[in-house]
Amino acid sequence: MAKIAELLKLWQNKQRASADVKQIALTHVADLDRRIDEMTAMKNTLQHLAHCCQGDARPDCPILTGLAGTDTHPSERA
């Protein structure tokens, strides 16, 4: 939001250089790309974990195990 506010201030400043506006916009695009990559990775991980889950009445849940960052059932770690 701060970057958008900065762009609006530049829009109101008739003495601005378009290079300043472009740099802010490109920085914002790079930030959005990074956030999209992070969210895509999270989505892919969750899809993989959901695919690994049997979705039945058993208590073992690869989704919860994966999100916890463990490879074993809690009772097997003791």
PDB file of N, CA and C in Angstrom:
ATOM      1  N   MET A   1       0.814  -1.191   0.000  1.00  0.00           N
ATOM      2  CA  MET A   1       0.000   0.000   0.000  1.00  0.00           C
ATOM      3  C   MET A   1       0.861   1.259   0.000  1.00  0.00           C
ATOM      4  N   ALA A   2       1.982   1.203   0.698  1.00  0.00           N
ATOM      5  CA  ALA A   2       2.856   2.374   0.750  1.00  0.00           C
ATOM      6  C   ALA A   2       3.375   2.720  -0.641  1.00  0.00           C
ATOM      7  N   LYS A   3       3.644   1.698  -1.436  1.00  0.00           N
ATOM      8  CA  LYS A   3       4.146   1.945  -2.794  1.00  0.00           C
ATOM      9  C   LYS A   3       3.069   2.579  -3.663  1.00  0.00           C
ATOM     10  N   ILE A   4       1.829   2.164  -3.473  1.00  0.00           N
ATOM     11  CA  ILE A   4       0.722   2.756  -4.223  1.00  0.00           C
ATOM     12  C   ILE A   4       0.561   4.221  -3.816  1.00  0.00           C
ATOM     13  N   ALA A   5       0.656   4.490  -2.515  1.00  0.00           N
ATOM     14  CA  ALA A   5       0.564   5.874  -2.034  1.00  0.00           C
ATOM     15  C   ALA A   5       1.694   6.715  -2.615  1.00  0.00           C
ATOM     16  N   GLU A   6       2.883   6.127  -2.709  1.00  0.00           N
ATOM     17  CA  GLU A   6       4.012   6.848  -3.291  1.00  0.00           C
ATOM     18  C   GLU A   6       3.754   7.163  -4.766  1.00  0.00           C
ATOM     19  N   LEU A   7       3.159   6.217  -5.484  1.00  0.00           N
ATOM     20  CA  LEU A   7       2.809   6.466  -6.887  1.00  0.00           C
ATOM     21  C   LEU A   7       1.783   7.587  -7.007  1.00  0.00           C
ATOM     22  N   LEU A   8       0.815   7.609  -6.104  1.00  0.00           N
ATOM     23  CA  LEU A   8      -0.201   8.670  -6.136  1.00  0.00           C
ATOM     24  C   LEU A   8       0.418  10.039  -5.877  1.00  0.00           C
ATOM     25  N   LYS A   9       1.386  10.093  -4.964  1.00  0.00           N
ATOM     26  CA  LYS A   9       2.074  11.363  -4.706  1.00  0.00           C
ATOM     27  C   LYS A   9       2.827  11.818  -5.949  1.00  0.00           C
ATOM     28  N   LEU A  10       3.468  10.883  -6.619  1.00  0.00           N
ATOM     29  CA  LEU A  10       4.181  11.236  -7.848  1.00  0.00           C
ATOM     30  C   LEU A  10       3.205  11.689  -8.933  1.00  0.00           C
ATOM     31  N   TRP A  11       2.035  11.089  -8.970  1.00  0.00           N
ATOM     32  CA  TRP A  11       1.020  11.465  -9.957  1.00  0.00           C
ATOM     33  C   TRP A  11       0.619  12.927  -9.775  1.00  0.00           C
ATOM     34  N   GLN A  12       0.538  13.350  -8.508  1.00  0.00           N
ATOM     35  CA  GLN A  12       0.155  14.728  -8.211  1.00  0.00           C
ATOM     36  C   GLN A  12       1.303  15.712  -8.425  1.00  0.00           C
ATOM     37  N   ASN A  13       2.533  15.218  -8.432  1.00  0.00           N
ATOM     38  CA  ASN A  13       3.714  16.065  -8.597  1.00  0.00           C
ATOM     39  C   ASN A  13       4.011  16.233 -10.085  1.00  0.00           C
ATOM     40  N   LYS A  14       3.735  17.403 -10.600  1.00  0.00           N
ATOM     41  CA  LYS A  14       3.932  17.658 -12.035  1.00  0.00           C
ATOM     42  C   LYS A  14       5.411  17.790 -12.403  1.00  0.00           C
ATOM     43  N   GLN A  15       6.290  17.864 -11.401  1.00  0.00           N
ATOM     44  CA  GLN A  15       7.727  17.966 -11.651  1.00  0.00           C
ATOM     45  C   GLN A  15       8.425  16.595 -11.600  1.00  0.00           C
ATOM     46  N   ARG A  16       7.664  15.557 -11.464  1.00  0.00           N
ATOM     47  CA  ARG A  16       8.227  14.210 -11.316  1.00  0.00           C
ATOM     48  C   ARG A  16       8.932  13.769 -12.596  1.00  0.00           C
ATOM     49  N   ALA A  17       9.849  12.849 -12.411  1.00  0.00           N
ATOM     50  CA  ALA A  17      10.488  12.203 -13.561  1.00  0.00           C
ATOM     51  C   ALA A  17       9.790  10.868 -13.785  1.00  0.00           C
ATOM     52  N   SER A  18       9.482  10.558 -15.024  1.00  0.00           N
ATOM     53  CA  SER A  18       8.799   9.294 -15.298  1.00  0.00           C
ATOM     54  C   SER A  18       9.665   8.104 -14.899  1.00  0.00           C
ATOM     55  N   ALA A  19      10.984   8.293 -14.868  1.00  0.00           N
ATOM     56  CA  ALA A  19      11.880   7.214 -14.436  1.00  0.00           C
ATOM     57  C   ALA A  19      11.596   6.819 -12.988  1.00  0.00           C
ATOM     58  N   ASP A  20      11.239   7.797 -12.148  1.00  0.00           N
ATOM     59  CA  ASP A  20      10.904   7.499 -10.753  1.00  0.00           C
ATOM     60  C   ASP A  20       9.646   6.645 -10.669  1.00  0.00           C
ATOM     61  N   VAL A  21       8.656   7.015 -11.449  1.00  0.00           N
ATOM     62  CA  VAL A  21       7.395   6.274 -11.468  1.00  0.00           C
ATOM     63  C   VAL A  21       7.641   4.849 -11.961  1.00  0.00           C
ATOM     64  N   LYS A  22       8.402   4.739 -13.029  1.00  0.00           N
ATOM     65  CA  LYS A  22       8.683   3.420 -13.597  1.00  0.00           C
ATOM     66  C   LYS A  22       9.421   2.538 -12.596  1.00  0.00           C
ATOM     67  N   GLN A  23      10.398   3.085 -11.899  1.00  0.00           N
ATOM     68  CA  GLN A  23      11.168   2.297 -10.932  1.00  0.00           C
ATOM     69  C   GLN A  23      10.277   1.781  -9.808  1.00  0.00           C
ATOM     70  N   ILE A  24       9.407   2.631  -9.308  1.00  0.00           N
ATOM     71  CA  ILE A  24       8.485   2.214  -8.246  1.00  0.00           C
ATOM     72  C   ILE A  24       7.556   1.122  -8.760  1.00  0.00           C
ATOM     73  N   ALA A  25       7.037   1.299  -9.963  1.00  0.00           N
ATOM     74  CA  ALA A  25       6.135   0.301 -10.538  1.00  0.00           C
ATOM     75  C   ALA A  25       6.850  -1.033 -10.732  1.00  0.00           C
ATOM     76  N   LEU A  26       8.075  -1.004 -11.243  1.00  0.00           N
ATOM     77  CA  LEU A  26       8.819  -2.244 -11.465  1.00  0.00           C
ATOM     78  C   LEU A  26       9.189  -2.933 -10.151  1.00  0.00           C
ATOM     79  N   THR A  27       9.490  -2.143  -9.133  1.00  0.00           N
ATOM     80  CA  THR A  27       9.756  -2.715  -7.811  1.00  0.00           C
ATOM     81  C   THR A  27       8.506  -3.402  -7.279  1.00  0.00           C
ATOM     82  N   HIS A  28       7.361  -2.769  -7.482  1.00  0.00           N
ATOM     83  CA  HIS A  28       6.094  -3.351  -7.043  1.00  0.00           C
ATOM     84  C   HIS A  28       5.801  -4.641  -7.812  1.00  0.00           C
ATOM     85  N   VAL A  29       6.056  -4.650  -9.103  1.00  0.00           N
ATOM     86  CA  VAL A  29       5.855  -5.855  -9.918  1.00  0.00           C
ATOM     87  C   VAL A  29       6.744  -6.990  -9.411  1.00  0.00           C
ATOM     88  N   ALA A  30       8.003  -6.686  -9.105  1.00  0.00           N
ATOM     89  CA  ALA A  30       8.921  -7.712  -8.600  1.00  0.00           C
ATOM     90  C   ALA A  30       8.435  -8.271  -7.267  1.00  0.00           C
ATOM     91  N   ASP A  31       7.917  -7.398  -6.407  1.00  0.00           N
ATOM     92  CA  ASP A  31       7.377  -7.847  -5.122  1.00  0.00           C
ATOM     93  C   ASP A  31       6.162  -8.742  -5.335  1.00  0.00           C
ATOM     94  N   LEU A  32       5.292  -8.360  -6.242  1.00  0.00           N
ATOM     95  CA  LEU A  32       4.124  -9.187  -6.547  1.00  0.00           C
ATOM     96  C   LEU A  32       4.540 -10.541  -7.110  1.00  0.00           C
ATOM     97  N   ASP A  33       5.530 -10.554  -7.998  1.00  0.00           N
ATOM     98  CA  ASP A  33       6.027 -11.822  -8.550  1.00  0.00           C
ATOM     99  C   ASP A  33       6.557 -12.731  -7.449  1.00  0.00           C
ATOM    100  N   ARG A  34       7.302 -12.160  -6.502  1.00  0.00           N
ATOM    101  CA  ARG A  34       7.839 -12.948  -5.391  1.00  0.00           C
ATOM    102  C   ARG A  34       6.707 -13.534  -4.552  1.00  0.00           C
ATOM    103  N   ARG A  35       5.709 -12.719  -4.261  1.00  0.00           N
ATOM    104  CA  ARG A  35       4.579 -13.189  -3.460  1.00  0.00           C
ATOM    105  C   ARG A  35       3.782 -14.256  -4.202  1.00  0.00           C
ATOM    106  N   ILE A  36       3.619 -14.090  -5.504  1.00  0.00           N
ATOM    107  CA  ILE A  36       2.920 -15.099  -6.311  1.00  0.00           C
ATOM    108  C   ILE A  36       3.688 -16.414  -6.279  1.00  0.00           C
ATOM    109  N   ASP A  37       5.019 -16.350  -6.421  1.00  0.00           N
ATOM    110  CA  ASP A  37       5.844 -17.560  -6.366  1.00  0.00           C
ATOM    111  C   ASP A  37       5.694 -18.270  -5.028  1.00  0.00           C
ATOM    112  N   GLU A  38       5.708 -17.502  -3.932  1.00  0.00           N
ATOM    113  CA  GLU A  38       5.546 -18.089  -2.604  1.00  0.00           C
ATOM    114  C   GLU A  38       4.177 -18.753  -2.463  1.00  0.00           C
ATOM    115  N   MET A  39       3.139 -18.079  -2.925  1.00  0.00           N
ATOM    116  CA  MET A  39       1.793 -18.636  -2.814  1.00  0.00           C
ATOM    117  C   MET A  39       1.618 -19.853  -3.715  1.00  0.00           C
ATOM    118  N   THR A  40       2.236 -19.839  -4.886  1.00  0.00           N
ATOM    119  CA  THR A  40       2.173 -20.990  -5.782  1.00  0.00           C
ATOM    120  C   THR A  40       2.854 -22.190  -5.139  1.00  0.00           C
ATOM    121  N   ALA A  41       3.987 -21.967  -4.495  1.00  0.00           N
ATOM    122  CA  ALA A  41       4.684 -23.056  -3.807  1.00  0.00           C
ATOM    123  C   ALA A  41       3.817 -23.620  -2.683  1.00  0.00           C
ATOM    124  N   MET A  42       3.162 -22.749  -1.921  1.00  0.00           N
ATOM    125  CA  MET A  42       2.268 -23.213  -0.856  1.00  0.00           C
ATOM    126  C   MET A  42       1.111 -24.010  -1.437  1.00  0.00           C
ATOM    127  N   LYS A  43       0.535 -23.527  -2.525  1.00  0.00           N
ATOM    128  CA  LYS A  43      -0.576 -24.220  -3.179  1.00  0.00           C
ATOM    129  C   LYS A  43      -0.139 -25.600  -3.651  1.00  0.00           C
ATOM    130  N   ASN A  44       1.024 -25.675  -4.289  1.00  0.00           N
ATOM    131  CA  ASN A  44       1.517 -26.957  -4.790  1.00  0.00           C
ATOM    132  C   ASN A  44       1.770 -27.941  -3.656  1.00  0.00           C
ATOM    133  N   THR A  45       2.329 -27.452  -2.555  1.00  0.00           N
ATOM    134  CA  THR A  45       2.566 -28.312  -1.396  1.00  0.00           C
ATOM    135  C   THR A  45       1.253 -28.837  -0.845  1.00  0.00           C
ATOM    136  N   LEU A  46       0.283 -27.968  -0.692  1.00  0.00           N
ATOM    137  CA  LEU A  46      -1.009 -28.387  -0.151  1.00  0.00           C
ATOM    138  C   LEU A  46      -1.715 -29.359  -1.091  1.00  0.00           C
ATOM    139  N   GLN A  47      -1.625 -29.129  -2.398  1.00  0.00           N
ATOM    140  CA  GLN A  47      -2.212 -30.068  -3.352  1.00  0.00           C
ATOM    141  C   GLN A  47      -1.554 -31.431  -3.238  1.00  0.00           C
ATOM    142  N   HIS A  48      -0.222 -31.451  -3.113  1.00  0.00           N
ATOM    143  CA  HIS A  48       0.497 -32.717  -2.982  1.00  0.00           C
ATOM    144  C   HIS A  48       0.078 -33.440  -1.705  1.00  0.00           C
ATOM    145  N   LEU A  49       0.010 -32.704  -0.591  1.00  0.00           N
ATOM    146  CA  LEU A  49      -0.395 -33.319   0.670  1.00  0.00           C
ATOM    147  C   LEU A  49      -1.823 -33.844   0.596  1.00  0.00           C
ATOM    148  N   ALA A  50      -2.718 -33.104  -0.034  1.00  0.00           N
ATOM    149  CA  ALA A  50      -4.106 -33.558  -0.181  1.00  0.00           C
ATOM    150  C   ALA A  50      -4.171 -34.814  -1.043  1.00  0.00           C
ATOM    151  N   HIS A  51      -3.333 -34.885  -2.065  1.00  0.00           N
ATOM    152  CA  HIS A  51      -3.287 -36.073  -2.929  1.00  0.00           C
ATOM    153  C   HIS A  51      -2.805 -37.296  -2.143  1.00  0.00           C
ATOM    154  N   CYS A  52      -1.891 -37.079  -1.193  1.00  0.00           N
ATOM    155  CA  CYS A  52      -1.341 -38.180  -0.395  1.00  0.00           C
ATOM    156  C   CYS A  52      -2.310 -38.661   0.681  1.00  0.00           C
ATOM    157  N   CYS A  53      -3.302 -37.872   0.992  1.00  0.00           N
ATOM    158  CA  CYS A  53      -4.249 -38.209   2.056  1.00  0.00           C
ATOM    159  C   CYS A  53      -5.307 -39.177   1.544  1.00  0.00           C
ATOM    160  N   GLN A  54      -5.545 -40.240   2.310  1.00  0.00           N
ATOM    161  CA  GLN A  54      -6.564 -41.220   1.936  1.00  0.00           C
ATOM    162  C   GLN A  54      -7.977 -40.660   2.105  1.00  0.00           C
ATOM    163  N   GLY A  55      -8.137 -39.729   3.020  1.00  0.00           N
ATOM    164  CA  GLY A  55      -9.448 -39.115   3.231  1.00  0.00           C
ATOM    165  C   GLY A  55     -10.465 -40.083   3.803  1.00  0.00           C
ATOM    166  N   ASP A  56      -9.999 -41.016   4.636  1.00  0.00           N
ATOM    167  CA  ASP A  56     -10.905 -42.004   5.215  1.00  0.00           C
ATOM    168  C   ASP A  56     -11.039 -41.772   6.720  1.00  0.00           C
ATOM    169  N   ALA A  57     -11.460 -42.786   7.440  1.00  0.00           N
ATOM    170  CA  ALA A  57     -11.716 -42.651   8.873  1.00  0.00           C
ATOM    171  C   ALA A  57     -10.466 -42.834   9.732  1.00  0.00           C
ATOM    172  N   ARG A  58      -9.335 -43.182   9.114  1.00  0.00           N
ATOM    173  CA  ARG A  58      -8.109 -43.372   9.894  1.00  0.00           C
ATOM    174  C   ARG A  58      -7.610 -42.033  10.438  1.00  0.00           C
ATOM    175  N   PRO A  59      -6.958 -42.070  11.611  1.00  0.00           N
ATOM    176  CA  PRO A  59      -6.463 -40.819  12.187  1.00  0.00           C
ATOM    177  C   PRO A  59      -5.181 -40.304  11.527  1.00  0.00           C
ATOM    178  N   ASP A  60      -4.439 -41.182  10.852  1.00  0.00           N
ATOM    179  CA  ASP A  60      -3.212 -40.740  10.186  1.00  0.00           C
ATOM    180  C   ASP A  60      -3.566 -39.739   9.095  1.00  0.00           C
ATOM    181  N   CYS A  61      -2.886 -38.613   9.110  1.00  0.00           N
ATOM    182  CA  CYS A  61      -3.202 -37.564   8.145  1.00  0.00           C
ATOM    183  C   CYS A  61      -1.917 -36.980   7.572  1.00  0.00           C
ATOM    184  N   PRO A  62      -1.578 -37.331   6.332  1.00  0.00           N
ATOM    185  CA  PRO A  62      -0.372 -36.785   5.725  1.00  0.00           C
ATOM    186  C   PRO A  62      -0.407 -35.259   5.598  1.00  0.00           C
ATOM    187  N   ILE A  63      -1.587 -34.690   5.532  1.00  0.00           N
ATOM    188  CA  ILE A  63      -1.690 -33.231   5.430  1.00  0.00           C
ATOM    189  C   ILE A  63      -1.166 -32.590   6.714  1.00  0.00           C
ATOM    190  N   LEU A  64      -1.676 -33.053   7.863  1.00  0.00           N
ATOM    191  CA  LEU A  64      -1.235 -32.489   9.140  1.00  0.00           C
ATOM    192  C   LEU A  64       0.223 -32.824   9.421  1.00  0.00           C
ATOM    193  N   THR A  65       0.635 -34.040   9.065  1.00  0.00           N
ATOM    194  CA  THR A  65       2.033 -34.432   9.247  1.00  0.00           C
ATOM    195  C   THR A  65       2.943 -33.548   8.404  1.00  0.00           C
ATOM    196  N   GLY A  66       2.564 -33.321   7.160  1.00  0.00           N
ATOM    197  CA  GLY A  66       3.363 -32.478   6.278  1.00  0.00           C
ATOM    198  C   GLY A  66       3.428 -31.043   6.752  1.00  0.00           C
ATOM    199  N   LEU A  67       2.310 -30.511   7.207  1.00  0.00           N
ATOM    200  CA  LEU A  67       2.285 -29.136   7.699  1.00  0.00           C
ATOM    201  C   LEU A  67       3.097 -28.986   8.981  1.00  0.00           C
ATOM    202  N   ALA A  68       3.158 -30.075   9.771  1.00  0.00           N
ATOM    203  CA  ALA A  68       3.947 -30.048  11.001  1.00  0.00           C
ATOM    204  C   ALA A  68       5.435 -30.192  10.709  1.00  0.00           C
ATOM    205  N   GLY A  69       5.764 -30.604   9.489  1.00  0.00           N
ATOM    206  CA  GLY A  69       7.168 -30.751   9.113  1.00  0.00           C
ATOM    207  C   GLY A  69       7.793 -32.017   9.633  1.00  0.00           C
ATOM    208  N   THR A  70       6.970 -33.037   9.876  1.00  0.00           N
ATOM    209  CA  THR A  70       7.483 -34.314  10.368  1.00  0.00           C
ATOM    210  C   THR A  70       7.175 -35.402   9.369  1.00  0.00           C
ATOM    211  N   ASP A  71       7.969 -36.465   9.421  1.00  0.00           N
ATOM    212  CA  ASP A  71       7.765 -37.590   8.511  1.00  0.00           C
ATOM    213  C   ASP A  71       7.132 -38.786   9.194  1.00  0.00           C
ATOM    214  N   THR A  72       6.940 -38.719  10.500  1.00  0.00           N
ATOM    215  CA  THR A  72       6.420 -39.869  11.227  1.00  0.00           C
ATOM    216  C   THR A  72       5.178 -39.485  11.994  1.00  0.00           C
ATOM    217  N   HIS A  73       4.417 -40.491  12.355  1.00  0.00           N
ATOM    218  CA  HIS A  73       3.242 -40.310  13.192  1.00  0.00           C
ATOM    219  C   HIS A  73       3.727 -39.912  14.583  1.00  0.00           C
ATOM    220  N   PRO A  74       3.022 -39.050  15.315  1.00  0.00           N
ATOM    221  CA  PRO A  74       3.485 -38.610  16.639  1.00  0.00           C
ATOM    222  C   PRO A  74       3.821 -39.763  17.578  1.00  0.00           C
ATOM    223  N   SER A  75       3.060 -40.864  17.537  1.00  0.00           N
ATOM    224  CA  SER A  75       3.330 -41.991  18.429  1.00  0.00           C
ATOM    225  C   SER A  75       4.616 -42.709  18.053  1.00  0.00           C
ATOM    226  N   GLU A  76       5.083 -42.556  16.812  1.00  0.00           N
ATOM    227  CA  GLU A  76       6.304 -43.218  16.370  1.00  0.00           C
ATOM    228  C   GLU A  76       7.542 -42.418  16.751  1.00  0.00           C
ATOM    229  N   ARG A  77       7.380 -41.150  17.161  1.00  0.00           N
ATOM    230  CA  ARG A  77       8.525 -40.306  17.493  1.00  0.00           C
ATOM    231  C   ARG A  77       8.964 -40.461  18.941  1.00  0.00           C
ATOM    232  N   ALA A  78       8.165 -41.087  19.763  1.00  0.00           N
ATOM    233  CA  ALA A  78       8.466 -41.187  21.198  1.00  0.00           C
ATOM    234  C   ALA A  78       9.616 -42.097  21.505  1.00  0.00           C
TER     235      ALA A  78
END
